[in-house]
Protein backbone atom coordinates (compact mmCIF):
# COMPACT_ATOMS: atom_id res chain seq x y z
CA MET A 1 71.99 141.85 149.18
CA PRO A 2 72.02 141.39 152.96
CA LEU A 3 74.10 143.57 155.16
CA PRO A 4 77.46 142.13 156.21
CA ALA A 5 77.57 140.43 159.59
CA GLU A 6 79.93 143.04 161.01
CA ASN A 7 77.13 145.61 160.85
CA PHE A 8 75.25 143.85 163.63
CA SER A 9 75.30 145.35 167.09
CA ILE A 10 74.06 143.41 170.10
CA GLU A 11 70.63 145.04 169.76
CA THR A 12 70.26 144.44 166.03
CA ALA A 13 71.59 140.90 166.36
CA LEU A 14 68.95 140.25 169.03
CA ASP A 15 66.20 141.59 166.74
CA ALA A 16 67.46 139.50 163.85
CA ALA A 17 67.91 136.34 165.96
CA THR A 18 64.41 136.66 167.39
CA GLU A 19 62.94 137.13 163.93
CA LEU A 20 65.05 134.29 162.54
CA ARG A 21 63.62 131.98 165.20
CA ARG A 22 60.10 133.02 164.12
CA VAL A 23 60.90 132.57 160.40
CA LEU A 24 62.35 129.12 160.97
CA ALA A 25 59.46 128.05 163.23
CA ALA A 26 57.01 129.14 160.52
CA ARG A 27 58.31 126.31 158.35
CA THR A 28 56.03 123.38 158.96
CA HIS A 29 56.46 119.70 158.32
CA ARG A 30 53.90 116.93 157.92
CA ARG A 31 54.21 114.11 160.41
CA LYS A 32 52.07 111.11 161.18
CA VAL A 33 51.13 110.89 164.81
CA MET A 34 48.99 107.90 165.79
CA GLY A 35 47.82 107.53 162.20
CA GLN A 36 46.84 111.19 161.86
CA GLU A 37 48.81 113.53 159.62
CA VAL A 38 49.65 116.71 161.51
CA LEU A 39 51.68 119.83 160.77
CA VAL A 40 54.50 120.49 163.21
CA PRO A 41 56.60 123.65 163.43
CA GLY A 42 60.17 123.54 162.18
CA GLN A 43 62.91 122.68 164.66
CA LEU A 44 65.81 124.23 162.75
CA GLY A 45 66.01 127.16 165.17
CA GLU A 46 66.73 124.82 168.05
CA ALA A 47 69.22 122.86 165.94
CA LEU A 48 71.05 126.13 165.18
CA GLN A 49 71.03 126.92 168.92
CA LEU A 50 69.03 130.12 168.47
CA PRO A 51 67.54 129.97 172.00
CA LYS A 52 71.10 129.87 173.42
CA ILE A 53 72.19 132.77 171.19
CA ILE A 54 69.13 134.83 172.17
CA ASN A 55 69.70 134.10 175.87
CA ARG A 56 73.29 135.23 175.53
CA LEU A 57 72.29 138.41 173.68
CA THR A 58 69.84 139.28 176.48
CA SER A 59 72.26 138.44 179.30
CA LYS A 60 73.06 141.06 181.92
CA GLN A 61 76.77 140.30 181.57
CA GLN A 62 78.59 142.01 178.72
CA ARG A 63 80.84 138.97 178.25
CA TYR A 64 77.84 136.76 177.41
CA ARG A 65 76.29 139.39 175.15
CA ASP A 66 79.59 139.56 173.23
CA LEU A 67 79.62 135.75 172.96
CA GLY A 68 76.04 135.82 171.68
CA LEU A 69 76.92 138.47 169.10
CA ASN A 70 79.92 136.42 167.96
CA ASP A 71 77.77 133.27 167.71
CA PHE A 72 75.15 135.11 165.66
CA GLN A 73 77.76 136.63 163.35
CA GLU A 74 79.12 133.13 162.69
CA LEU A 75 75.62 131.77 162.02
CA TRP A 76 74.38 134.58 159.76
CA PRO A 77 76.50 133.87 156.63
CA THR A 78 75.54 130.19 156.75
CA LEU A 79 71.85 130.98 156.21
CA SER A 80 70.33 130.95 152.75
CA ALA A 81 69.98 134.28 150.97
CA ARG A 82 66.19 133.93 151.03
CA THR A 83 66.11 133.34 154.78
CA ARG A 84 68.40 136.32 155.43
CA GLU A 85 66.23 138.47 153.17
CA ARG A 86 63.05 137.44 154.99
CA VAL A 87 64.61 138.26 158.36
CA LEU A 88 65.93 141.65 157.24
CA ASP A 89 62.58 142.55 155.67
CA ALA A 90 60.75 141.58 158.85
CA ILE A 91 62.97 143.74 161.07
CA GLY A 92 62.75 146.67 158.66
CA TRP A 93 66.29 146.70 157.31
CA TYR A 94 66.87 147.57 153.68
CA ASP A 95 69.69 148.33 151.29
CA PRO A 96 69.31 151.95 150.13
CA LYS A 97 71.02 151.11 146.84
CA GLN A 98 68.18 148.74 145.94
CA LEU A 99 65.42 151.30 146.48
CA ASP A 100 63.72 153.26 143.72
CA TRP A 101 64.69 156.90 143.48
CA ASP A 102 61.13 157.92 144.34
CA ASP A 103 61.27 156.03 147.65
CA LYS A 104 61.63 158.46 150.58
CA ARG A 105 64.18 156.20 152.26
CA SER A 106 66.61 156.17 149.32
CA ASN A 107 68.27 159.62 149.66
CA ARG A 108 69.72 159.09 146.21
CA ARG A 109 70.08 161.66 143.51
CA PRO A 110 68.58 160.93 140.12
CA LEU A 111 70.80 159.26 137.57
CA VAL A 112 71.95 161.85 135.06
CA ASP A 113 72.85 160.88 131.53
CA PRO A 114 76.14 162.71 130.75
CA ASP A 115 75.20 162.80 127.04
CA ASP A 116 71.92 164.57 127.78
CA ASP A 117 72.37 168.31 127.25
CA ALA A 118 68.81 169.22 128.18
CA VAL A 119 68.54 170.68 131.64
């Protein structure tokens, strides 16, 4: 499950927005140009105004960075679960509750069966 939008800071929103632009551009579409079938990159990032959001997040003025963060937080829940998952995986975010106990990042204790008397 993706992290809630309120967990984004300006820096993490910038990382996620940049990766989201890359993920969306990786989607290709077939088009016929002058009789030739060509693959063109997806334009959904531009339609979602990602360049504007990224520019705001990288602005020198705090007011614009806050606007960019707000814009990204409004956009994030509208994305499909698969797209959000791909973005979070690409930027290295994970939900510790979904990790195996043996994973170093999990910091979880092993599940103990209360009926098990063997120690």
